[in-house]
Protein backbone atom coordinates (compact mmCIF):
# COMPACT_ATOMS: atom_id res chain seq x y z
CA MET A 1 -24.48 10.54 8.15
CA GLU A 2 -21.55 9.86 5.82
CA LEU A 3 -19.09 10.94 8.51
CA ILE A 4 -20.58 8.50 11.02
CA ARG A 5 -20.37 5.66 8.49
CA ARG A 6 -16.76 6.48 7.67
CA LEU A 7 -15.83 6.66 11.36
CA GLY A 8 -17.52 3.30 11.94
CA VAL A 9 -15.67 1.69 9.04
CA ALA A 10 -12.36 3.21 10.14
CA THR A 11 -12.90 1.97 13.70
CA ALA A 12 -13.71 -1.54 12.46
CA VAL A 13 -10.60 -1.57 10.28
CA ASN A 14 -8.47 -0.33 13.20
CA ILE A 15 -9.89 -3.05 15.45
CA GLY A 16 -9.12 -5.66 12.80
CA ALA A 17 -5.62 -4.33 12.21
CA LEU A 18 -4.85 -4.33 15.93
CA ALA A 19 -6.26 -7.86 16.27
CA VAL A 20 -4.04 -9.11 13.43
CA THR A 21 -1.09 -7.34 15.04
CA ALA A 22 -1.78 -9.03 18.38
CA LEU A 23 -1.91 -12.40 16.62
CA ALA A 24 1.29 -11.73 14.66
CA PHE A 25 3.51 -10.69 17.58
CA ASP A 26 4.10 -12.39 20.91
CA ARG A 27 5.07 -9.04 22.43
CA VAL A 28 1.72 -7.43 21.62
CA ARG A 29 -0.95 -8.19 24.21
CA VAL A 30 -4.60 -7.18 24.15
CA ASP A 31 -6.64 -7.91 27.29
CA GLY A 32 -9.96 -8.96 25.77
CA TRP A 33 -12.51 -7.59 23.33
CA GLY A 34 -13.24 -4.49 25.39
CA ALA A 35 -9.61 -3.42 25.30
CA LEU A 36 -9.39 -4.21 21.59
CA ILE A 37 -12.47 -2.11 20.78
CA LEU A 38 -11.23 0.74 22.99
CA ALA A 39 -7.80 0.57 21.33
CA GLY A 40 -9.43 0.73 17.87
CA VAL A 41 -11.45 3.79 18.86
CA VAL A 42 -8.49 5.53 20.51
CA PHE A 43 -6.24 4.72 17.55
CA GLY A 44 -8.80 6.28 15.22
CA ILE A 45 -9.06 9.41 17.36
CA VAL A 46 -5.27 9.69 17.64
CA ASN A 47 -4.90 9.35 13.87
CA THR A 48 -7.62 11.92 13.26
CA VAL A 49 -6.63 14.54 15.82
CA VAL A 50 -2.97 14.13 16.79
CA LYS A 51 -1.38 12.76 13.62
CA PRO A 52 -2.05 15.83 11.42
CA VAL A 53 -0.48 18.12 14.04
CA VAL A 54 2.59 15.89 14.45
CA THR A 55 2.90 15.55 10.67
CA VAL A 56 2.92 19.32 10.19
CA LEU A 57 5.48 19.75 12.98
CA ALA A 58 7.67 17.01 11.48
CA LEU A 59 7.32 18.25 7.91
CA PRO A 60 10.96 19.42 7.55
CA VAL A 61 12.22 16.00 8.67
CA ILE A 62 9.67 14.24 6.47
CA VAL A 63 10.89 16.21 3.45
CA LEU A 64 14.57 15.61 4.29
CA THR A 65 14.01 11.86 4.64
CA LEU A 66 11.85 11.71 1.50
CA GLY A 67 8.85 10.55 3.52
CA ILE A 68 10.53 7.84 5.58
CA ALA A 69 9.89 9.85 8.74
CA LEU A 70 6.15 9.30 8.20
CA PHE A 71 6.73 5.71 9.31
CA PHE A 72 8.00 7.03 12.64
CA VAL A 73 5.01 9.37 12.90
CA ASN A 74 2.76 6.33 12.44
CA MET A 75 4.78 4.41 15.02
CA LEU A 76 4.33 7.31 17.43
CA MET A 77 0.55 7.17 16.94
CA LEU A 78 0.59 3.47 17.81
CA ALA A 79 2.78 4.17 20.85
CA LEU A 80 0.39 6.90 21.98
CA THR A 81 -2.51 4.45 21.67
CA ASP A 82 -0.53 1.90 23.70
CA TRP A 83 0.10 4.54 26.36
CA VAL A 84 -3.56 5.60 26.60
CA VAL A 85 -5.22 2.16 26.54
CA ASN A 86 -4.41 0.04 29.60
CA GLY A 87 -5.45 -3.23 27.94
CA LEU A 88 -3.04 -2.83 25.02
CA VAL A 89 0.64 -3.59 25.67
CA ILE A 90 3.31 -3.42 22.98
CA SER A 91 6.83 -4.21 24.20
CA GLY A 92 10.02 -3.13 22.45
CA PHE A 93 11.04 -0.87 19.60
CA GLY A 94 11.24 -3.71 17.09
CA THR A 95 7.75 -4.81 18.02
CA PHE A 96 6.46 -1.26 17.57
CA ALA A 97 8.11 -1.10 14.14
CA GLY A 98 6.67 -4.47 13.10
CA ALA A 99 3.25 -3.64 14.51
CA THR A 100 3.21 -0.35 12.60
CA LEU A 101 4.03 -2.23 9.41
CA VAL A 102 1.30 -4.83 10.04
CA VAL A 103 -1.32 -2.14 10.78
CA TRP A 104 -0.35 -0.39 7.55
CA LEU A 105 -0.50 -3.64 5.54
CA VAL A 106 -3.94 -4.51 6.92
CA ASN A 107 -5.21 -1.03 6.02
CA VAL A 108 -3.79 -1.33 2.49
CA ALA A 109 -5.33 -4.79 2.08
CA VAL A 110 -8.76 -3.65 3.29
CA GLU A 111 -8.68 -0.58 1.06
CA SER A 112 -7.66 -2.59 -2.01
CA VAL A 113 -10.03 -5.52 -1.45
CA PHE A 114 -13.10 -3.55 -0.39
CA GLY A 115 -12.32 -0.31 -2.21
CA ILE A 116 -13.26 1.83 0.78
CA ARG A 117 -11.17 4.84 -0.22
CA GLY A 118 -11.88 4.44 -3.92
CA HIS A 119 -15.62 4.41 -3.19
CA ALA A 120 -15.35 7.66 -1.25
CA ARG A 121 -13.44 9.29 -4.09
CA LYS A 122 -15.99 8.17 -6.68
CA ARG A 123 -18.84 9.61 -4.64
CA GLN A 124 -16.99 12.90 -4.22
CA GLY A 125 -16.36 13.07 -7.94
CA ARG A 126 -20.08 12.72 -8.73
CA SER A 127 -21.17 15.45 -6.34
């Protein structure tokens, strides 16, 4: 049950982050609520399934760049979501970079304000 709750929260945060991104950039277009919800779900799946594999494959570059390459891994996950979801369109490298930064900032803000990750750690510590 905990996994389902965490996936639901992560999906909601992804939807919110993508909505903020669409509002922040003229070159990010989302075709309605259905596309936004689908993009949030796909982004969550991509981050859960594909990102760990890409991160392991990119580990030498990540180490050489002192972690900066992780930003490009995150940008790739957003680009993959854009490619999969027809109703999400992100145009241009600069827009992808900015959108990746906005998605990250929204996630940091949600985690710090609502303590989502901290709550999970506290519960794990008690078990």
